[in-house]
C-alpha atoms as a PDB file:
ATOM      1  CA  MET A   1     -12.220  -6.397   4.306  1.00  0.00           C
ATOM      2  CA  ILE A   2      -8.656  -5.598   5.326  1.00  0.00           C
ATOM      3  CA  ALA A   3      -6.045  -7.552   7.288  1.00  0.00           C
ATOM      4  CA  LYS A   4      -3.227  -6.421   9.547  1.00  0.00           C
ATOM      5  CA  ILE A   5      -0.453  -8.949  10.178  1.00  0.00           C
ATOM      6  CA  THR A   6       2.214  -8.829  12.875  1.00  0.00           C
ATOM      7  CA  THR A   7       4.696 -11.318  14.302  1.00  0.00           C
ATOM      8  CA  GLY A   8       6.310 -11.464  17.712  1.00  0.00           C
ATOM      9  CA  GLY A   9       7.703 -13.637  20.453  1.00  0.00           C
ATOM     10  CA  ASP A  10       5.218 -13.168  23.314  1.00  0.00           C
ATOM     11  CA  PHE A  11       2.292 -15.593  23.182  1.00  0.00           C
ATOM     12  CA  ALA A  12       1.020 -14.487  26.593  1.00  0.00           C
ATOM     13  CA  GLY A  13       0.681 -10.875  25.461  1.00  0.00           C
ATOM     14  CA  ALA A  14      -1.093 -11.820  22.228  1.00  0.00           C
ATOM     15  CA  VAL A  15      -3.512 -14.247  23.885  1.00  0.00           C
ATOM     16  CA  ASN A  16      -4.364 -11.848  26.708  1.00  0.00           C
ATOM     17  CA  TYR A  17      -4.978  -9.049  24.209  1.00  0.00           C
ATOM     18  CA  ILE A  18      -7.408 -10.848  21.926  1.00  0.00           C
ATOM     19  CA  LEU A  19      -9.289 -12.379  24.888  1.00  0.00           C
ATOM     20  CA  ASP A  20      -9.339  -9.156  26.923  1.00  0.00           C
ATOM     21  CA  PRO A  21     -12.786  -8.677  28.565  1.00  0.00           C
ATOM     22  CA  LYS A  22     -12.356  -4.908  28.097  1.00  0.00           C
ATOM     23  CA  LYS A  23     -12.533  -5.534  24.349  1.00  0.00           C
ATOM     24  CA  ALA A  24     -15.837  -7.383  24.835  1.00  0.00           C
ATOM     25  CA  ALA A  25     -13.976 -10.380  23.407  1.00  0.00           C
ATOM     26  CA  GLU A  26     -15.717 -13.611  22.459  1.00  0.00           C
ATOM     27  CA  LEU A  27     -13.620 -16.730  21.803  1.00  0.00           C
ATOM     28  CA  LEU A  28     -15.081 -18.315  18.668  1.00  0.00           C
ATOM     29  CA  ILE A  29     -12.794 -21.306  18.133  1.00  0.00           C
ATOM     30  CA  GLY A  30      -9.479 -22.848  19.134  1.00  0.00           C
ATOM     31  CA  GLU A  31      -7.431 -25.534  17.406  1.00  0.00           C
ATOM     32  CA  GLY A  32      -4.656 -27.600  19.005  1.00  0.00           C
ATOM     33  CA  VAL A  33      -4.661 -25.723  22.347  1.00  0.00           C
ATOM     34  CA  ARG A  34      -6.188 -26.293  25.775  1.00  0.00           C
ATOM     35  CA  LEU A  35      -9.047 -23.802  26.138  1.00  0.00           C
ATOM     36  CA  LYS A  36      -9.426 -23.912  29.926  1.00  0.00           C
ATOM     37  CA  ASN A  37      -8.127 -20.330  30.360  1.00  0.00           C
ATOM     38  CA  THR A  38      -5.608 -17.867  28.890  1.00  0.00           C
ATOM     39  CA  ASN A  39      -2.764 -19.500  30.801  1.00  0.00           C
ATOM     40  CA  SER A  40      -3.470 -22.976  29.420  1.00  0.00           C
ATOM     41  CA  ILE A  41      -3.787 -21.564  25.886  1.00  0.00           C
ATOM     42  CA  THR A  42      -0.444 -19.780  26.219  1.00  0.00           C
ATOM     43  CA  LYS A  43       1.308 -22.893  27.558  1.00  0.00           C
ATOM     44  CA  SER A  44      -0.037 -24.935  24.635  1.00  0.00           C
ATOM     45  CA  PHE A  45       1.408 -22.476  22.120  1.00  0.00           C
ATOM     46  CA  VAL A  46       4.770 -22.279  23.896  1.00  0.00           C
ATOM     47  CA  ALA A  47       5.077 -26.071  24.126  1.00  0.00           C
ATOM     48  CA  GLN A  48       4.815 -26.436  20.338  1.00  0.00           C
ATOM     49  CA  THR A  49       7.533 -23.844  19.704  1.00  0.00           C
ATOM     50  CA  GLU A  50      10.002 -26.301  21.251  1.00  0.00           C
ATOM     51  CA  LEU A  51       9.694 -28.338  18.052  1.00  0.00           C
ATOM     52  CA  ASN A  52      11.654 -25.582  16.285  1.00  0.00           C
ATOM     53  CA  SER A  53      13.644 -23.292  18.565  1.00  0.00           C
ATOM     54  CA  ARG A  54      15.214 -21.504  15.577  1.00  0.00           C
ATOM     55  CA  VAL A  55      12.062 -19.437  14.993  1.00  0.00           C
ATOM     56  CA  SER A  56      12.691 -16.208  16.913  1.00  0.00           C
ATOM     57  CA  LYS A  57       9.191 -14.812  16.334  1.00  0.00           C
ATOM     58  CA  PRO A  58       6.755 -17.742  16.553  1.00  0.00           C
ATOM     59  CA  VAL A  59       3.679 -15.607  17.320  1.00  0.00           C
ATOM     60  CA  GLY A  60       1.452 -14.761  14.370  1.00  0.00           C
ATOM     61  CA  HIS A  61      -1.304 -12.188  14.975  1.00  0.00           C
ATOM     62  CA  ILE A  62      -3.871 -11.190  12.349  1.00  0.00           C
ATOM     63  CA  SER A  63      -6.809  -8.832  12.655  1.00  0.00           C
ATOM     64  CA  LEU A  64      -9.506  -9.025   9.979  1.00  0.00           C
ATOM     65  CA  ASP A  65     -11.540  -5.831   9.802  1.00  0.00           C
ATOM     66  CA  PHE A  66     -14.790  -5.387   7.894  1.00  0.00           C
ATOM     67  CA  SER A  67     -16.878  -2.407   6.890  1.00  0.00           C
ATOM     68  CA  VAL A  68     -19.716  -1.305   9.127  1.00  0.00           C
ATOM     69  CA  GLN A  69     -21.820  -1.574   5.955  1.00  0.00           C
ATOM     70  CA  ASP A  70     -21.613  -5.382   6.300  1.00  0.00           C
ATOM     71  CA  LYS A  71     -22.438  -5.524   9.996  1.00  0.00           C
ATOM     72  CA  ALA A  72     -25.896  -7.030   9.530  1.00  0.00           C
ATOM     73  CA  LYS A  73     -24.700  -9.986   7.452  1.00  0.00           C
ATOM     74  CA  LEU A  74     -21.529 -10.823   9.402  1.00  0.00           C
ATOM     75  CA  SER A  75     -22.620 -13.359  11.991  1.00  0.00           C
ATOM     76  CA  SER A  76     -19.897 -15.144  13.949  1.00  0.00           C
ATOM     77  CA  VAL A  77     -20.462 -18.264  11.842  1.00  0.00           C
ATOM     78  CA  PHE A  78     -19.970 -16.254   8.650  1.00  0.00           C
ATOM     79  CA  LEU A  79     -16.814 -14.628  10.057  1.00  0.00           C
ATOM     80  CA  LEU A  80     -15.347 -18.049  10.889  1.00  0.00           C
ATOM     81  CA  LYS A  81     -16.033 -19.221   7.344  1.00  0.00           C
ATOM     82  CA  ILE A  82     -14.192 -16.189   5.933  1.00  0.00           C
ATOM     83  CA  ALA A  83     -11.322 -16.616   8.412  1.00  0.00           C
ATOM     84  CA  ASP A  84     -10.908 -20.289   7.467  1.00  0.00           C
ATOM     85  CA  ASP A  85     -10.786 -19.382   3.773  1.00  0.00           C
ATOM     86  CA  TYR A  86      -8.275 -16.608   4.472  1.00  0.00           C
ATOM     87  CA  LEU A  87      -5.945 -18.840   6.519  1.00  0.00           C
ATOM     88  CA  ASN A  88      -5.973 -21.590   3.886  1.00  0.00           C
ATOM     89  CA  ARG A  89      -5.147 -19.158   1.073  1.00  0.00           C
ATOM     90  CA  MET A  90      -2.327 -17.669   3.159  1.00  0.00           C
ATOM     91  CA  GLY A  91      -0.858 -21.126   3.788  1.00  0.00           C
ATOM     92  CA  ILE A  92      -1.463 -20.916   7.543  1.00  0.00           C
ATOM     93  CA  ILE A  93      -2.502 -24.550   7.952  1.00  0.00           C
ATOM     94  CA  TYR A  94      -1.736 -27.572  10.150  1.00  0.00           C
ATOM     95  CA  THR A  95      -0.946 -25.402  13.141  1.00  0.00           C
ATOM     96  CA  GLN A  96      -2.413 -24.141  16.415  1.00  0.00           C
ATOM     97  CA  PHE A  97      -4.670 -21.078  16.414  1.00  0.00           C
ATOM     98  CA  ILE A  98      -7.439 -19.283  18.255  1.00  0.00           C
ATOM     99  CA  ILE A  99      -9.971 -16.844  16.803  1.00  0.00           C
ATOM    100  CA  ALA A 100     -11.826 -14.235  18.852  1.00  0.00           C
ATOM    101  CA  ARG A 101     -14.371 -11.580  17.943  1.00  0.00           C
ATOM    102  CA  HIS A 102     -14.256  -8.094  19.477  1.00  0.00           C
ATOM    103  CA  TYR A 103     -17.330  -5.942  20.007  1.00  0.00           C
ATOM    104  CA  ASP A 104     -15.602  -2.766  21.229  1.00  0.00           C
ATOM    105  CA  LYS A 105     -15.809  -0.982  17.846  1.00  0.00           C
ATOM    106  CA  GLU A 106     -18.672  -0.197  15.529  1.00  0.00           C
ATOM    107  CA  HIS A 107     -17.218  -2.157  12.620  1.00  0.00           C
ATOM    108  CA  PRO A 108     -17.043  -6.000  12.794  1.00  0.00           C
ATOM    109  CA  HIS A 109     -13.550  -7.409  13.366  1.00  0.00           C
ATOM    110  CA  ILE A 110     -11.901 -10.602  14.541  1.00  0.00           C
ATOM    111  CA  HIS A 111      -8.429 -11.461  15.806  1.00  0.00           C
ATOM    112  CA  ILE A 112      -6.405 -14.587  15.058  1.00  0.00           C
ATOM    113  CA  VAL A 113      -3.378 -15.779  17.008  1.00  0.00           C
ATOM    114  CA  PHE A 114      -1.511 -18.697  15.412  1.00  0.00           C
ATOM    115  CA  ASN A 115       1.722 -20.586  15.923  1.00  0.00           C
ATOM    116  CA  ARG A 116       4.298 -20.045  13.182  1.00  0.00           C
ATOM    117  CA  VAL A 117       5.817 -23.379  14.236  1.00  0.00           C
ATOM    118  CA  ASN A 118       3.366 -25.863  12.760  1.00  0.00           C
ATOM    119  CA  ASN A 119       2.382 -29.283  14.057  1.00  0.00           C
ATOM    120  CA  GLN A 120       5.367 -30.917  12.311  1.00  0.00           C
ATOM    121  CA  GLY A 121       7.844 -28.355  13.657  1.00  0.00           C
ATOM    122  CA  LYS A 122       8.178 -26.563  10.302  1.00  0.00           C
ATOM    123  CA  THR A 123       8.103 -22.783   9.973  1.00  0.00           C
ATOM    124  CA  ILE A 124       5.087 -21.052   8.460  1.00  0.00           C
ATOM    125  CA  SER A 125       6.681 -18.487   6.155  1.00  0.00           C
ATOM    126  CA  ASN A 126       5.797 -14.816   6.342  1.00  0.00           C
ATOM    127  CA  LYS A 127       7.513 -13.961   3.053  1.00  0.00           C
ATOM    128  CA  ASN A 128       5.570 -11.298   1.111  1.00  0.00           C
ATOM    129  CA  ASP A 129       2.708 -11.759   3.568  1.00  0.00           C
ATOM    130  CA  ARG A 130       1.482  -8.155   3.225  1.00  0.00           C
ATOM    131  CA  TYR A 131       1.268  -8.357  -0.555  1.00  0.00           C
ATOM    132  CA  ARG A 132      -0.372 -11.787  -0.515  1.00  0.00           C
ATOM    133  CA  SER A 133      -2.785 -10.759   2.226  1.00  0.00           C
ATOM    134  CA  GLU A 134      -3.921  -7.646   0.361  1.00  0.00           C
ATOM    135  CA  LYS A 135      -4.629  -9.689  -2.770  1.00  0.00           C
ATOM    136  CA  ILE A 136      -6.514 -12.368  -0.818  1.00  0.00           C
ATOM    137  CA  CYS A 137      -8.602  -9.787   1.044  1.00  0.00           C
ATOM    138  CA  LYS A 138      -9.774  -8.321  -2.256  1.00  0.00           C
ATOM    139  CA  GLU A 139     -10.622 -11.795  -3.573  1.00  0.00           C
ATOM    140  CA  LEU A 140     -12.635 -12.668  -0.460  1.00  0.00           C
ATOM    141  CA  THR A 141     -14.393  -9.315  -0.468  1.00  0.00           C
ATOM    142  CA  ARG A 142     -15.635 -10.026  -3.976  1.00  0.00           C
ATOM    143  CA  LYS A 143     -16.394 -13.691  -3.297  1.00  0.00           C
ATOM    144  CA  ASN A 144     -18.541 -12.904  -0.245  1.00  0.00           C
ATOM    145  CA  ASP A 145     -20.174  -9.820  -1.766  1.00  0.00           C
ATOM    146  CA  LEU A 146     -18.767  -7.522   0.910  1.00  0.00           C
ATOM    147  CA  TYR A 147     -18.523  -3.756   0.794  1.00  0.00           C
ATOM    148  CA  PHE A 148     -15.577  -2.223  -1.058  1.00  0.00           C
ATOM    149  CA  ALA A 149     -14.409   0.965   0.665  1.00  0.00           C
ATOM    150  CA  LYS A 150     -14.092   3.895  -1.749  1.00  0.00           C
ATOM    151  CA  GLY A 151     -10.789   5.684  -1.326  1.00  0.00           C
ATOM    152  CA  LYS A 152      -8.763   6.405   1.792  1.00  0.00           C
ATOM    153  CA  GLU A 153     -10.638   9.402   3.175  1.00  0.00           C
ATOM    154  CA  ASN A 154     -12.287   7.545   6.063  1.00  0.00           C
ATOM    155  CA  VAL A 155      -9.124   5.929   7.446  1.00  0.00           C
ATOM    156  CA  ASN A 156      -8.166   6.867  11.011  1.00  0.00           C
ATOM    157  CA  VAL A 157      -4.509   7.664  10.391  1.00  0.00           C
ATOM    158  CA  HIS A 158      -3.683   8.211  14.069  1.00  0.00           C
ATOM    159  CA  ARG A 159      -4.535   4.567  14.778  1.00  0.00           C
ATOM    160  CA  LEU A 160      -2.290   3.152  12.067  1.00  0.00           C
ATOM    161  CA  LYS A 161       1.158   1.676  12.667  1.00  0.00           C
ATOM    162  CA  GLU A 162       4.216   2.016  10.458  1.00  0.00           C
ATOM    163  CA  PRO A 163       4.688   1.824   7.551  1.00  0.00           C
ATOM    164  CA  ASP A 164       0.971   2.438   6.846  1.00  0.00           C
ATOM    165  CA  LYS A 165       0.887   5.584   8.983  1.00  0.00           C
ATOM    166  CA  THR A 166       3.573   7.332   6.925  1.00  0.00           C
ATOM    167  CA  LYS A 167       2.083   6.119   3.637  1.00  0.00           C
ATOM    168  CA  TYR A 168      -1.261   7.692   4.491  1.00  0.00           C
ATOM    169  CA  GLU A 169       0.423  10.948   5.566  1.00  0.00           C
ATOM    170  CA  ILE A 170       2.077  11.115   2.143  1.00  0.00           C
ATOM    171  CA  TYR A 171      -1.278  10.340   0.512  1.00  0.00           C
ATOM    172  CA  TYR A 172      -3.036  13.266   2.199  1.00  0.00           C
ATOM    173  CA  CYS A 173      -0.193  15.678   1.420  1.00  0.00           C
ATOM    174  CA  LEU A 174      -0.246  14.754  -2.269  1.00  0.00           C
ATOM    175  CA  LYS A 175      -4.032  15.001  -2.325  1.00  0.00           C
ATOM    176  CA  GLU A 176      -3.855  18.530  -0.946  1.00  0.00           C
ATOM    177  CA  LEU A 177      -0.788  19.903  -2.746  1.00  0.00           C
ATOM    178  CA  ILE A 178      -1.045  18.618  -6.325  1.00  0.00           C
ATOM    179  CA  PRO A 179      -4.073  20.845  -7.133  1.00  0.00           C
ATOM    180  CA  GLN A 180      -2.017  23.853  -5.953  1.00  0.00           C
ATOM    181  CA  CYS A 181       0.984  23.242  -8.249  1.00  0.00           C
ATOM    182  CA  LYS A 182       1.743  23.747 -11.940  1.00  0.00           C
ATOM    183  CA  ASP A 183       4.992  21.767 -12.266  1.00  0.00           C
ATOM    184  CA  MET A 184       7.145  19.187 -10.494  1.00  0.00           C
ATOM    185  CA  ASP A 185       9.554  21.790  -9.085  1.00  0.00           C
ATOM    186  CA  GLU A 186       6.740  23.592  -7.310  1.00  0.00           C
ATOM    187  CA  LEU A 187       5.299  20.329  -5.978  1.00  0.00           C
ATOM    188  CA  GLU A 188       8.720  19.192  -4.790  1.00  0.00           C
ATOM    189  CA  ALA A 189       9.269  22.449  -2.883  1.00  0.00           C
ATOM    190  CA  LYS A 190       5.910  22.181  -1.122  1.00  0.00           C
ATOM    191  CA  LEU A 191       6.472  18.515  -0.247  1.00  0.00           C
ATOM    192  CA  ASN A 192       9.913  19.292   1.185  1.00  0.00           C
ATOM    193  CA  LYS A 193       8.266  21.642   3.686  1.00  0.00           C
ATOM    194  CA  GLU A 194       6.206  18.637   4.851  1.00  0.00           C
ATOM    195  CA  GLY A 195       9.307  16.463   5.248  1.00  0.00           C
ATOM    196  CA  ILE A 196       8.658  14.504   2.031  1.00  0.00           C
ATOM    197  CA  THR A 197      11.276  14.097  -0.700  1.00  0.00           C
ATOM    198  CA  ILE A 198      10.717  13.031  -4.308  1.00  0.00           C
ATOM    199  CA  ASN A 199      12.855  10.362  -5.963  1.00  0.00           C
ATOM    200  CA  TYR A 200      12.797   9.825  -9.740  1.00  0.00           C
ATOM    201  CA  LYS A 201      13.487   6.662 -11.689  1.00  0.00           C
ATOM    202  CA  TYR A 202      14.983   7.212 -15.158  1.00  0.00           C
ATOM    203  CA  ARG A 203      14.887   5.057 -18.251  1.00  0.00           C
ATOM    204  CA  GLY A 204      18.342   3.575 -18.745  1.00  0.00           C
ATOM    205  CA  ASN A 205      20.979   6.302 -19.195  1.00  0.00           C
ATOM    206  CA  THR A 206      18.484   8.850 -20.489  1.00  0.00           C
ATOM    207  CA  ASN A 207      16.828  11.824 -18.837  1.00  0.00           C
ATOM    208  CA  VAL A 208      13.367  10.332 -19.405  1.00  0.00           C
ATOM    209  CA  VAL A 209      11.472   9.874 -16.127  1.00  0.00           C
ATOM    210  CA  GLN A 210       9.538   6.614 -15.958  1.00  0.00           C
ATOM    211  CA  GLY A 211       8.766   6.356 -12.240  1.00  0.00           C
ATOM    212  CA  ILE A 212       8.464   8.278  -9.004  1.00  0.00           C
ATOM    213  CA  SER A 213       8.669   7.490  -5.287  1.00  0.00           C
ATOM    214  CA  PHE A 214       8.293   9.479  -2.075  1.00  0.00           C
ATOM    215  CA  THR A 215      10.362   9.301   1.119  1.00  0.00           C
ATOM    216  CA  LYS A 216       9.361  10.348   4.627  1.00  0.00           C
ATOM    217  CA  ASN A 217      10.595   9.149   8.033  1.00  0.00           C
ATOM    218  CA  ASN A 218      13.217   7.046   6.184  1.00  0.00           C
ATOM    219  CA  LEU A 219      10.401   5.086   4.518  1.00  0.00           C
ATOM    220  CA  ARG A 220      10.101   5.053   0.731  1.00  0.00           C
ATOM    221  CA  PHE A 221       6.942   4.307  -1.267  1.00  0.00           C
ATOM    222  CA  ASN A 222       6.425   4.093  -5.012  1.00  0.00           C
ATOM    223  CA  GLY A 223       3.872   6.634  -6.164  1.00  0.00           C
ATOM    224  CA  SER A 224       1.431   3.999  -7.400  1.00  0.00           C
ATOM    225  CA  LYS A 225       1.712   2.179  -4.045  1.00  0.00           C
ATOM    226  CA  VAL A 226       0.609   5.308  -2.193  1.00  0.00           C
ATOM    227  CA  ASP A 227      -2.355   5.395  -4.565  1.00  0.00           C
ATOM    228  CA  ARG A 228      -2.845   4.624  -8.249  1.00  0.00           C
ATOM    229  CA  GLN A 229      -3.495   8.289  -8.998  1.00  0.00           C
ATOM    230  CA  PHE A 230       0.042   9.151  -7.863  1.00  0.00           C
ATOM    231  CA  SER A 231       2.104   7.415 -10.538  1.00  0.00           C
ATOM    232  CA  TYR A 232       4.507   9.794 -12.301  1.00  0.00           C
ATOM    233  CA  SER A 233       2.487   9.953 -15.523  1.00  0.00           C
ATOM    234  CA  LYS A 234      -0.762  10.768 -13.707  1.00  0.00           C
ATOM    235  CA  ILE A 235       0.831  13.415 -11.496  1.00  0.00           C
ATOM    236  CA  LYS A 236       2.497  15.019 -14.542  1.00  0.00           C
ATOM    237  CA  TYR A 237      -0.805  15.020 -16.410  1.00  0.00           C
ATOM    238  CA  ARG A 238      -2.583  16.698 -13.477  1.00  0.00           C
ATOM    239  CA  LEU A 239       0.107  19.379 -13.159  1.00  0.00           C
ATOM    240  CA  ASP A 240      -0.060  20.080 -16.897  1.00  0.00           C
ATOM    241  CA  GLN A 241      -3.826  20.481 -16.566  1.00  0.00           C
ATOM    242  CA  ASN A 242      -3.316  22.946 -13.716  1.00  0.00           C
ATOM    243  CA  LYS A 243      -0.938  24.962 -15.897  1.00  0.00           C
ATOM    244  CA  LEU A 244      -3.413  24.872 -18.767  1.00  0.00           C
ATOM    245  CA  GLN A 245      -6.184  26.181 -16.530  1.00  0.00           C
ATOM    246  CA  GLU A 246      -3.917  29.073 -15.534  1.00  0.00           C
ATOM    247  CA  TYR A 247      -3.328  29.784 -19.216  1.00  0.00           C
ATOM    248  CA  PHE A 248      -7.056  30.086 -19.901  1.00  0.00           C
ATOM    249  CA  LYS A 249      -7.523  32.324 -16.880  1.00  0.00           C
ATOM    250  CA  VAL A 250      -5.070  34.800 -18.441  1.00  0.00           C
ATOM    251  CA  ILE A 251      -6.832  34.709 -21.806  1.00  0.00           C
ATOM    252  CA  GLN A 252     -10.288  35.188 -20.315  1.00  0.00           C
ATOM    253  CA  ASN A 253      -9.147  37.979 -17.994  1.00  0.00           C
ATOM    254  CA  PRO A 254      -6.534  40.319 -19.600  1.00  0.00           C
ATOM    255  CA  SER A 255      -6.283  42.310 -16.360  1.00  0.00           C
ATOM    256  CA  HIS A 256      -5.148  39.188 -14.486  1.00  0.00           C
ATOM    257  CA  GLU A 257      -2.018  39.799 -12.441  1.00  0.00           C
ATOM    258  CA  TYR A 258      -0.049  37.204 -14.430  1.00  0.00           C
ATOM    259  CA  ASP A 259       1.912  38.259 -17.541  1.00  0.00           C
ATOM    260  CA  PHE A 260       0.629  36.229 -20.501  1.00  0.00           C
ATOM    261  CA  GLN A 261       3.791  36.768 -22.579  1.00  0.00           C
ATOM    262  CA  GLN A 262       5.923  35.738 -19.616  1.00  0.00           C
ATOM    263  CA  LEU A 263       3.966  32.496 -19.294  1.00  0.00           C
ATOM    264  CA  ILE A 264       4.730  31.706 -22.929  1.00  0.00           C
ATOM    265  CA  ARG A 265       8.422  32.576 -22.509  1.00  0.00           C
ATOM    266  CA  ASP A 266       8.637  30.383 -19.392  1.00  0.00           C
ATOM    267  CA  GLY A 267       7.064  27.471 -21.249  1.00  0.00           C
ATOM    268  CA  LEU A 268       9.442  27.804 -24.208  1.00  0.00           C
ATOM    269  CA  LEU A 269      12.435  28.154 -21.898  1.00  0.00           C
ATOM    270  CA  GLN A 270      11.488  25.034 -19.966  1.00  0.00           C
ATOM    271  CA  ALA A 271      11.001  23.083 -23.203  1.00  0.00           C
ATOM    272  CA  GLU A 272      14.449  24.192 -24.400  1.00  0.00           C
ATOM    273  CA  LYS A 273      16.037  23.152 -21.078  1.00  0.00           C
ATOM    274  CA  ASP A 274      14.413  19.733 -21.321  1.00  0.00           C
ATOM    275  CA  ALA A 275      15.605  19.306 -24.887  1.00  0.00           C
ATOM    276  CA  GLU A 276      19.168  20.317 -23.948  1.00  0.00           C
ATOM    277  CA  ARG A 277      19.273  17.819 -21.078  1.00  0.00           C
ATOM    278  CA  GLN A 278      18.034  15.133 -23.439  1.00  0.00           C
ATOM    279  CA  ARG A 279      20.768  15.927 -25.980  1.00  0.00           C
ATOM    280  CA  LYS A 280      23.457  15.684 -23.284  1.00  0.00           C
ATOM    281  CA  LYS A 281      22.127  12.386 -21.958  1.00  0.00           C
ATOM    282  CA  GLU A 282      21.647  10.543 -25.247  1.00  0.00           C
ATOM    283  CA  PRO A 283      24.693   9.746 -27.434  1.00  0.00           C
ATOM    284  CA  TYR A 284      24.687  10.992 -31.010  1.00  0.00           C
ATOM    285  CA  GLN A 285      23.564   8.330 -33.454  1.00  0.00           C
ATOM    286  CA  ARG A 286      24.352   8.677 -37.106  1.00  0.00           C
ATOM    287  CA  ILE A 287      21.402   7.912 -39.334  1.00  0.00           C
ATOM    288  CA  LYS A 288      22.421   5.701 -42.231  1.00  0.00           C
ATOM    289  CA  PRO A 289      20.740   6.300 -45.600  1.00  0.00           C
ATOM    290  CA  PRO A 290      18.529   3.458 -46.787  1.00  0.00           C
ATOM    291  CA  LYS A 291      20.109   0.924 -49.098  1.00  0.00           C
ATOM    292  CA  LYS A 292      19.078   1.056 -52.723  1.00  0.00           C
ATOM    293  CA  LYS A 293      17.196  -1.980 -53.867  1.00  0.00           C
ATOM    294  CA  SER A 294      18.923  -4.031 -56.537  1.00  0.00           C
ATOM    295  CA  ARG A 295      16.808  -4.375 -59.610  1.00  0.00           C
ATOM    296  CA  GLY A 296      18.701  -7.408 -60.841  1.00  0.00           C
ATOM    297  CA  TYR A 297      19.689  -8.229 -64.421  1.00  0.00           C
ATOM    298  CA  ARG A 298      17.189  -7.458 -67.111  1.00  0.00           C
ATOM    299  CA  MET A 299      17.049  -9.173 -70.481  1.00  0.00           C
END
C-alpha cells in the first residue's frame, strides 16, 4: 500500500478527474457534499472554503494504491475501511470528502478528494504529510496483512512525479554503477556523467565522512532516503569489497593485465593521503602522563 498526496486550488478539476467515466470510476462514498452530480459536489466543496479564505490550496487529493497481489481480497467495503483508518491517522477528520474507486489499472486503487478547510473553518495541516503518510501506509499494510513490495525494481518511473521521479533515477544509477567502481572517486566521476553530484557530510571540523547525499535536477536526497543500501557506510563497504575482489583476481591470475605491485602502492598512497588530511584537520592534542597515585602516610 502506498499513498500519493497533492494539494491544489481547483476542486472542479479534482472532482472531475476522480469521477471520470474514462477511468471506470465508481463513487463509493461522500461526506458533507451534495452527490447529485459533479457540479453539485464541486459547489459544496467551494462553499465551505469561504469559512477560511486564507487557505490558498484548499483541495486535498490522495490516491491509495495497492499491490495486484491483494486484488482478490480488496473489495470496495474493505477499501473504505482502510481509507477511513488512513484518514483518521492522518488527522483528516471533520471535513468534506469523496472517495472513488478506479478500475482502469490492473492494481486496486482509490482516490480521495477532501476539503482542507474543515467543518469549523480550521485548516487541516499538511505539515510533514509525506513522512507521516509513508509511516501510516506501512502500519496499515501490516495491520491488514497486505502484500509488501520487495524493492523498487517494478516501479514505473515514467509515471512518477517530482520529487519521486528524480529519486528513482538516482536509485537506478547507483544500483548500476556501484558494482562497477572500486572507490568513491570513480563512482563520483561516473555519477557526474549522469548529471548526479555527491555531497558529503563531515563530523564536526574533521575530515571524517559520516553521511552522503545526491543531487540531480536541483533536488537533493540523503543516501539512506534513496534506499537504505545507499548510506555512506554501506556504499563504502561495497566499494571496498569490489577492490578486494580485484585484488584476488590478480593473485589468482598472474598474467592479469593489472600490476599487482602497483595496486599495493596505490593503496598505501591513498592511506597516506587520508592520514595527512586527518592530521591537517584535527588540532594537535598533548597527551598528559597519568598522575601517580598517592600512597598516603604509612606508620
